[in-house]
PDB file of N, CA and C in Angstrom:
ATOM      1  N   MET A   1     137.016 -49.746 -63.016  1.00  0.00           N
ATOM      2  CA  MET A   1     138.283 -50.393 -62.764  1.00  0.00           C
ATOM      3  C   MET A   1     139.228 -50.118 -63.929  1.00  0.00           C
ATOM      4  N   ALA A   2     140.490 -49.943 -63.593  1.00  0.00           N
ATOM      5  CA  ALA A   2     141.548 -49.695 -64.568  1.00  0.00           C
ATOM      6  C   ALA A   2     141.205 -48.559 -65.525  1.00  0.00           C
ATOM      7  N   PRO A   3     140.863 -47.380 -64.989  1.00  0.00           N
ATOM      8  CA  PRO A   3     140.522 -46.271 -65.882  1.00  0.00           C
ATOM      9  C   PRO A   3     141.762 -45.734 -66.592  1.00  0.00           C
ATOM     10  N   THR A   4     141.548 -45.093 -67.709  1.00  0.00           N
ATOM     11  CA  THR A   4     142.628 -44.383 -68.376  1.00  0.00           C
ATOM     12  C   THR A   4     142.925 -43.132 -67.539  1.00  0.00           C
ATOM     13  N   PRO A   5     144.053 -42.495 -67.756  1.00  0.00           N
ATOM     14  CA  PRO A   5     144.331 -41.258 -67.010  1.00  0.00           C
ATOM     15  C   PRO A   5     143.232 -40.204 -67.181  1.00  0.00           C
ATOM     16  N   ASP A   6     142.705 -40.053 -68.383  1.00  0.00           N
ATOM     17  CA  ASP A   6     141.638 -39.071 -68.597  1.00  0.00           C
ATOM     18  C   ASP A   6     140.368 -39.438 -67.841  1.00  0.00           C
ATOM     19  N   GLU A   7     140.037 -40.725 -67.817  1.00  0.00           N
ATOM     20  CA  GLU A   7     138.851 -41.165 -67.076  1.00  0.00           C
ATOM     21  C   GLU A   7     139.037 -40.941 -65.577  1.00  0.00           C
ATOM     22  N   ALA A   8     140.207 -41.257 -65.067  1.00  0.00           N
ATOM     23  CA  ALA A   8     140.482 -41.066 -63.645  1.00  0.00           C
ATOM     24  C   ALA A   8     140.400 -39.600 -63.273  1.00  0.00           C
ATOM     25  N   LEU A   9     140.882 -38.730 -64.127  1.00  0.00           N
ATOM     26  CA  LEU A   9     140.872 -37.294 -63.862  1.00  0.00           C
ATOM     27  C   LEU A   9     139.456 -36.763 -63.712  1.00  0.00           C
ATOM     28  N   ARG A  10     138.504 -37.327 -64.417  1.00  0.00           N
ATOM     29  CA  ARG A  10     137.108 -36.883 -64.311  1.00  0.00           C
ATOM     30  C   ARG A  10     136.503 -37.223 -62.946  1.00  0.00           C
ATOM     31  N   HIS A  11     137.152 -38.085 -62.182  1.00  0.00           N
ATOM     32  CA  HIS A  11     136.641 -38.483 -60.872  1.00  0.00           C
ATOM     33  C   HIS A  11     137.299 -37.738 -59.717  1.00  0.00           C
ATOM     34  N   VAL A  12     138.224 -36.837 -59.999  1.00  0.00           N
ATOM     35  CA  VAL A  12     138.867 -36.062 -58.937  1.00  0.00           C
ATOM     36  C   VAL A  12     137.843 -35.081 -58.386  1.00  0.00           C
ATOM     37  N   ARG A  13     137.597 -35.163 -57.080  1.00  0.00           N
ATOM     38  CA  ARG A  13     136.595 -34.302 -56.440  1.00  0.00           C
ATOM     39  C   ARG A  13     137.197 -33.291 -55.477  1.00  0.00           C
ATOM     40  N   LEU A  14     138.255 -33.682 -54.783  1.00  0.00           N
ATOM     41  CA  LEU A  14     138.884 -32.815 -53.794  1.00  0.00           C
ATOM     42  C   LEU A  14     140.397 -32.872 -53.926  1.00  0.00           C
ATOM     43  N   LEU A  15     141.051 -31.763 -53.584  1.00  0.00           N
ATOM     44  CA  LEU A  15     142.509 -31.679 -53.620  1.00  0.00           C
ATOM     45  C   LEU A  15     142.998 -31.224 -52.247  1.00  0.00           C
ATOM     46  N   MET A  16     144.082 -31.837 -51.805  1.00  0.00           N
ATOM     47  CA  MET A  16     144.686 -31.450 -50.539  1.00  0.00           C
ATOM     48  C   MET A  16     146.180 -31.796 -50.568  1.00  0.00           C
ATOM     49  N   LEU A  17     146.907 -31.270 -49.623  1.00  0.00           N
ATOM     50  CA  LEU A  17     148.326 -31.574 -49.512  1.00  0.00           C
ATOM     51  C   LEU A  17     148.516 -32.766 -48.586  1.00  0.00           C
ATOM     52  N   VAL A  18     149.519 -33.573 -48.893  1.00  0.00           N
ATOM     53  CA  VAL A  18     149.881 -34.693 -48.030  1.00  0.00           C
ATOM     54  C   VAL A  18     151.397 -34.676 -47.827  1.00  0.00           C
ATOM     55  N   ASN A  19     151.812 -34.907 -46.615  1.00  0.00           N
ATOM     56  CA  ASN A  19     153.228 -35.032 -46.299  1.00  0.00           C
ATOM     57  C   ASN A  19     153.508 -36.523 -46.127  1.00  0.00           C
ATOM     58  N   ASP A  20     154.027 -37.136 -47.169  1.00  0.00           N
ATOM     59  CA  ASP A  20     154.308 -38.568 -47.171  1.00  0.00           C
ATOM     60  C   ASP A  20     155.729 -38.775 -46.674  1.00  0.00           C
ATOM     61  N   VAL A  21     155.871 -39.293 -45.483  1.00  0.00           N
ATOM     62  CA  VAL A  21     157.178 -39.443 -44.833  1.00  0.00           C
ATOM     63  C   VAL A  21     157.789 -40.796 -45.184  1.00  0.00           C
ATOM     64  N   SER A  22     159.081 -40.796 -45.468  1.00  0.00           N
ATOM     65  CA  SER A  22     159.835 -42.041 -45.673  1.00  0.00           C
ATOM     66  C   SER A  22     161.042 -42.035 -44.748  1.00  0.00           C
ATOM     67  N   LEU A  23     161.196 -43.096 -43.992  1.00  0.00           N
ATOM     68  CA  LEU A  23     162.375 -43.244 -43.132  1.00  0.00           C
ATOM     69  C   LEU A  23     163.416 -44.003 -43.949  1.00  0.00           C
ATOM     70  N   ARG A  24     164.193 -43.248 -44.691  1.00  0.00           N
ATOM     71  CA  ARG A  24     165.081 -43.811 -45.714  1.00  0.00           C
ATOM     72  C   ARG A  24     166.092 -44.825 -45.188  1.00  0.00           C
ATOM     73  N   ASN A  25     166.534 -44.683 -43.963  1.00  0.00           N
ATOM     74  CA  ASN A  25     167.509 -45.635 -43.430  1.00  0.00           C
ATOM     75  C   ASN A  25     166.920 -47.025 -43.232  1.00  0.00           C
ATOM     76  N   LEU A  26     165.603 -47.121 -43.115  1.00  0.00           N
ATOM     77  CA  LEU A  26     164.956 -48.417 -42.897  1.00  0.00           C
ATOM     78  C   LEU A  26     164.521 -49.096 -44.197  1.00  0.00           C
ATOM     79  N   ILE A  27     164.427 -48.360 -45.264  1.00  0.00           N
ATOM     80  CA  ILE A  27     163.880 -48.895 -46.517  1.00  0.00           C
ATOM     81  C   ILE A  27     164.693 -50.054 -47.088  1.00  0.00           C
ATOM     82  N   PRO A  28     166.017 -49.957 -47.228  1.00  0.00           N
ATOM     83  CA  PRO A  28     166.756 -51.066 -47.856  1.00  0.00           C
ATOM     84  C   PRO A  28     166.555 -52.408 -47.160  1.00  0.00           C
ATOM     85  N   ALA A  29     166.576 -52.417 -45.843  1.00  0.00           N
ATOM     86  CA  ALA A  29     166.401 -53.679 -45.114  1.00  0.00           C
ATOM     87  C   ALA A  29     165.001 -54.241 -45.314  1.00  0.00           C
ATOM     88  N   GLU A  30     164.015 -53.383 -45.345  1.00  0.00           N
ATOM     89  CA  GLU A  30     162.643 -53.860 -45.547  1.00  0.00           C
ATOM     90  C   GLU A  30     162.437 -54.406 -46.949  1.00  0.00           C
ATOM     91  N   LEU A  31     162.997 -53.745 -47.931  1.00  0.00           N
ATOM     92  CA  LEU A  31     162.851 -54.231 -49.308  1.00  0.00           C
ATOM     93  C   LEU A  31     163.596 -55.548 -49.510  1.00  0.00           C
ATOM     94  N   ALA A  32     164.680 -55.741 -48.785  1.00  0.00           N
ATOM     95  CA  ALA A  32     165.442 -56.989 -48.893  1.00  0.00           C
ATOM     96  C   ALA A  32     164.643 -58.185 -48.378  1.00  0.00           C
ATOM     97  N   ASN A  33     163.698 -57.944 -47.493  1.00  0.00           N
ATOM     98  CA  ASN A  33     162.865 -59.017 -46.940  1.00  0.00           C
ATOM     99  C   ASN A  33     161.637 -59.312 -47.793  1.00  0.00           C
ATOM    100  N   ASP A  34     161.455 -58.596 -48.891  1.00  0.00           N
ATOM    101  CA  ASP A  34     160.308 -58.780 -49.792  1.00  0.00           C
ATOM    102  C   ASP A  34     158.961 -58.583 -49.104  1.00  0.00           C
ATOM    103  N   LEU A  35     158.938 -57.851 -48.002  1.00  0.00           N
ATOM    104  CA  LEU A  35     157.672 -57.594 -47.314  1.00  0.00           C
ATOM    105  C   LEU A  35     157.106 -56.220 -47.656  1.00  0.00           C
ATOM    106  N   GLY A  36     157.859 -55.430 -48.384  1.00  0.00           N
ATOM    107  CA  GLY A  36     157.403 -54.077 -48.695  1.00  0.00           C
ATOM    108  C   GLY A  36     157.657 -53.143 -47.534  1.00  0.00           C
ATOM    109  N   PHE A  37     157.017 -51.995 -47.590  1.00  0.00           N
ATOM    110  CA  PHE A  37     157.213 -50.980 -46.559  1.00  0.00           C
ATOM    111  C   PHE A  37     156.341 -51.294 -45.351  1.00  0.00           C
ATOM    112  N   PHE A  38     156.966 -51.382 -44.191  1.00  0.00           N
ATOM    113  CA  PHE A  38     156.211 -51.640 -42.973  1.00  0.00           C
ATOM    114  C   PHE A  38     156.515 -50.554 -41.942  1.00  0.00           C
ATOM    115  N   GLN A  39     157.764 -50.490 -41.501  1.00  0.00           N
ATOM    116  CA  GLN A  39     158.156 -49.464 -40.537  1.00  0.00           C
ATOM    117  C   GLN A  39     158.720 -48.226 -41.207  1.00  0.00           C
ATOM    118  N   SER A  40     159.185 -48.341 -42.436  1.00  0.00           N
ATOM    119  CA  SER A  40     159.835 -47.217 -43.088  1.00  0.00           C
ATOM    120  C   SER A  40     158.842 -46.202 -43.666  1.00  0.00           C
ATOM    121  N   LYS A  41     157.545 -46.515 -43.637  1.00  0.00           N
ATOM    122  CA  LYS A  41     156.517 -45.588 -44.126  1.00  0.00           C
ATOM    123  C   LYS A  41     155.498 -45.348 -43.014  1.00  0.00           C
ATOM    124  N   PRO A  42     155.816 -44.448 -42.067  1.00  0.00           N
ATOM    125  CA  PRO A  42     154.852 -44.168 -41.004  1.00  0.00           C
ATOM    126  C   PRO A  42     153.633 -43.419 -41.563  1.00  0.00           C
ATOM    127  N   ALA A  43     152.694 -43.130 -40.702  1.00  0.00           N
ATOM    128  CA  ALA A  43     151.472 -42.445 -41.120  1.00  0.00           C
ATOM    129  C   ALA A  43     151.791 -41.100 -41.763  1.00  0.00           C
ATOM    130  N   ALA A  44     151.060 -40.774 -42.811  1.00  0.00           N
ATOM    131  CA  ALA A  44     151.201 -39.485 -43.486  1.00  0.00           C
ATOM    132  C   ALA A  44     150.359 -38.443 -42.752  1.00  0.00           C
ATOM    133  N   SER A  45     150.687 -37.180 -42.975  1.00  0.00           N
ATOM    134  CA  SER A  45     149.870 -36.102 -42.415  1.00  0.00           C
ATOM    135  C   SER A  45     149.245 -35.320 -43.571  1.00  0.00           C
ATOM    136  N   PHE A  46     148.061 -34.796 -43.321  1.00  0.00           N
ATOM    137  CA  PHE A  46     147.294 -34.121 -44.364  1.00  0.00           C
ATOM    138  C   PHE A  46     147.008 -32.671 -43.986  1.00  0.00           C
ATOM    139  N   SER A  47     146.801 -31.857 -44.998  1.00  0.00           N
ATOM    140  CA  SER A  47     146.460 -30.462 -44.764  1.00  0.00           C
ATOM    141  C   SER A  47     145.086 -30.362 -44.118  1.00  0.00           C
ATOM    142  N   PRO A  48     144.838 -29.288 -43.366  1.00  0.00           N
ATOM    143  CA  PRO A  48     143.540 -29.140 -42.715  1.00  0.00           C
ATOM    144  C   PRO A  48     142.449 -28.607 -43.652  1.00  0.00           C
ATOM    145  N   VAL A  49     142.815 -28.318 -44.884  1.00  0.00           N
ATOM    146  CA  VAL A  49     141.872 -27.719 -45.831  1.00  0.00           C
ATOM    147  C   VAL A  49     141.920 -28.492 -47.142  1.00  0.00           C
ATOM    148  N   VAL A  50     140.763 -28.677 -47.751  1.00  0.00           N
ATOM    149  CA  VAL A  50     140.680 -29.255 -49.090  1.00  0.00           C
ATOM    150  C   VAL A  50     139.959 -28.262 -49.991  1.00  0.00           C
ATOM    151  N   VAL A  51     140.227 -28.351 -51.293  1.00  0.00           N
ATOM    152  CA  VAL A  51     139.523 -27.507 -52.272  1.00  0.00           C
ATOM    153  C   VAL A  51     139.026 -28.392 -53.406  1.00  0.00           C
ATOM    154  N   THR A  52     138.037 -27.912 -54.086  1.00  0.00           N
ATOM    155  CA  THR A  52     137.547 -28.605 -55.270  1.00  0.00           C
ATOM    156  C   THR A  52     138.327 -28.105 -56.476  1.00  0.00           C
ATOM    157  N   PRO A  53     138.483 -28.921 -57.492  1.00  0.00           N
ATOM    158  CA  PRO A  53     139.196 -28.459 -58.692  1.00  0.00           C
ATOM    159  C   PRO A  53     138.578 -27.208 -59.301  1.00  0.00           C
ATOM    160  N   ASP A  54     137.241 -27.098 -59.292  1.00  0.00           N
ATOM    161  CA  ASP A  54     136.617 -25.918 -59.901  1.00  0.00           C
ATOM    162  C   ASP A  54     136.904 -24.645 -59.108  1.00  0.00           C
ATOM    163  N   ALA A  55     137.198 -24.768 -57.801  1.00  0.00           N
ATOM    164  CA  ALA A  55     137.550 -23.589 -57.001  1.00  0.00           C
ATOM    165  C   ALA A  55     138.873 -22.991 -57.451  1.00  0.00           C
ATOM    166  N   LEU A  56     139.711 -23.792 -58.098  1.00  0.00           N
ATOM    167  CA  LEU A  56     141.002 -23.299 -58.582  1.00  0.00           C
ATOM    168  C   LEU A  56     140.900 -22.631 -59.942  1.00  0.00           C
ATOM    169  N   GLY A  57     139.768 -22.790 -60.609  1.00  0.00           N
ATOM    170  CA  GLY A  57     139.569 -22.142 -61.915  1.00  0.00           C
ATOM    171  C   GLY A  57     140.610 -22.572 -62.928  1.00  0.00           C
ATOM    172  N   ASP A  58     141.196 -21.589 -63.605  1.00  0.00           N
ATOM    173  CA  ASP A  58     142.183 -21.865 -64.652  1.00  0.00           C
ATOM    174  C   ASP A  58     143.487 -22.446 -64.113  1.00  0.00           C
ATOM    175  N   ALA A  59     143.688 -22.377 -62.798  1.00  0.00           N
ATOM    176  CA  ALA A  59     144.920 -22.918 -62.213  1.00  0.00           C
ATOM    177  C   ALA A  59     144.899 -24.447 -62.188  1.00  0.00           C
ATOM    178  N   TRP A  60     143.729 -25.077 -62.379  1.00  0.00           N
ATOM    179  CA  TRP A  60     143.628 -26.544 -62.423  1.00  0.00           C
ATOM    180  C   TRP A  60     143.584 -26.957 -63.884  1.00  0.00           C
ATOM    181  N   ARG A  61     144.719 -27.465 -64.359  1.00  0.00           N
ATOM    182  CA  ARG A  61     144.829 -27.878 -65.763  1.00  0.00           C
ATOM    183  C   ARG A  61     145.588 -29.196 -65.845  1.00  0.00           C
ATOM    184  N   GLU A  62     145.094 -30.096 -66.704  1.00  0.00           N
ATOM    185  CA  GLU A  62     145.771 -31.357 -66.997  1.00  0.00           C
ATOM    186  C   GLU A  62     146.086 -32.159 -65.726  1.00  0.00           C
ATOM    187  N   GLY A  63     145.194 -32.072 -64.736  1.00  0.00           N
ATOM    188  CA  GLY A  63     145.377 -32.835 -63.511  1.00  0.00           C
ATOM    189  C   GLY A  63     146.430 -32.285 -62.581  1.00  0.00           C
ATOM    190  N   ARG A  64     146.795 -31.029 -62.762  1.00  0.00           N
ATOM    191  CA  ARG A  64     147.818 -30.407 -61.911  1.00  0.00           C
ATOM    192  C   ARG A  64     147.394 -28.997 -61.525  1.00  0.00           C
ATOM    193  N   VAL A  65     147.909 -28.557 -60.384  1.00  0.00           N
ATOM    194  CA  VAL A  65     147.674 -27.188 -59.946  1.00  0.00           C
ATOM    195  C   VAL A  65     148.807 -26.324 -60.497  1.00  0.00           C
ATOM    196  N   HIS A  66     148.458 -25.315 -61.244  1.00  0.00           N
ATOM    197  CA  HIS A  66     149.439 -24.417 -61.853  1.00  0.00           C
ATOM    198  C   HIS A  66     149.429 -23.087 -61.083  1.00  0.00           C
ATOM    199  N   ARG A  67     149.903 -23.150 -59.844  1.00  0.00           N
ATOM    200  CA  ARG A  67     150.010 -21.978 -58.982  1.00  0.00           C
ATOM    201  C   ARG A  67     151.204 -22.185 -58.069  1.00  0.00           C
ATOM    202  N   PRO A  68     151.783 -21.117 -57.589  1.00  0.00           N
ATOM    203  CA  PRO A  68     152.849 -21.286 -56.605  1.00  0.00           C
ATOM    204  C   PRO A  68     152.275 -21.800 -55.278  1.00  0.00           C
ATOM    205  N   MET A  69     153.062 -22.554 -54.554  1.00  0.00           N
ATOM    206  CA  MET A  69     152.653 -23.029 -53.239  1.00  0.00           C
ATOM    207  C   MET A  69     153.548 -22.391 -52.196  1.00  0.00           C
ATOM    208  N   ILE A  70     152.928 -21.770 -51.219  1.00  0.00           N
ATOM    209  CA  ILE A  70     153.669 -21.123 -50.147  1.00  0.00           C
ATOM    210  C   ILE A  70     153.276 -21.811 -48.840  1.00  0.00           C
ATOM    211  N   VAL A  71     154.265 -22.292 -48.111  1.00  0.00           N
ATOM    212  CA  VAL A  71     154.022 -23.005 -46.860  1.00  0.00           C
ATOM    213  C   VAL A  71     154.689 -22.244 -45.736  1.00  0.00           C
ATOM    214  N   HIS A  72     153.981 -22.049 -44.643  1.00  0.00           N
ATOM    215  CA  HIS A  72     154.528 -21.381 -43.458  1.00  0.00           C
ATOM    216  C   HIS A  72     154.579 -22.353 -42.310  1.00  0.00           C
TER     217      HIS A  72
END
């Protein structure tokens, strides 16, 4: 519980892309009600492939992927 950033990084096992959608027009009204995000944050979508950090080799440094990302 409450790991430091370095401790948390040692527990990263898989990496994948996520498309986190925000319906920006709905956010202000939801935040005004103090209920947090309900309708303005629909389900996210995930990539169909995951990789391990070691599969990235030297491209995985300091908790980040140091490679270009190309999306089609």
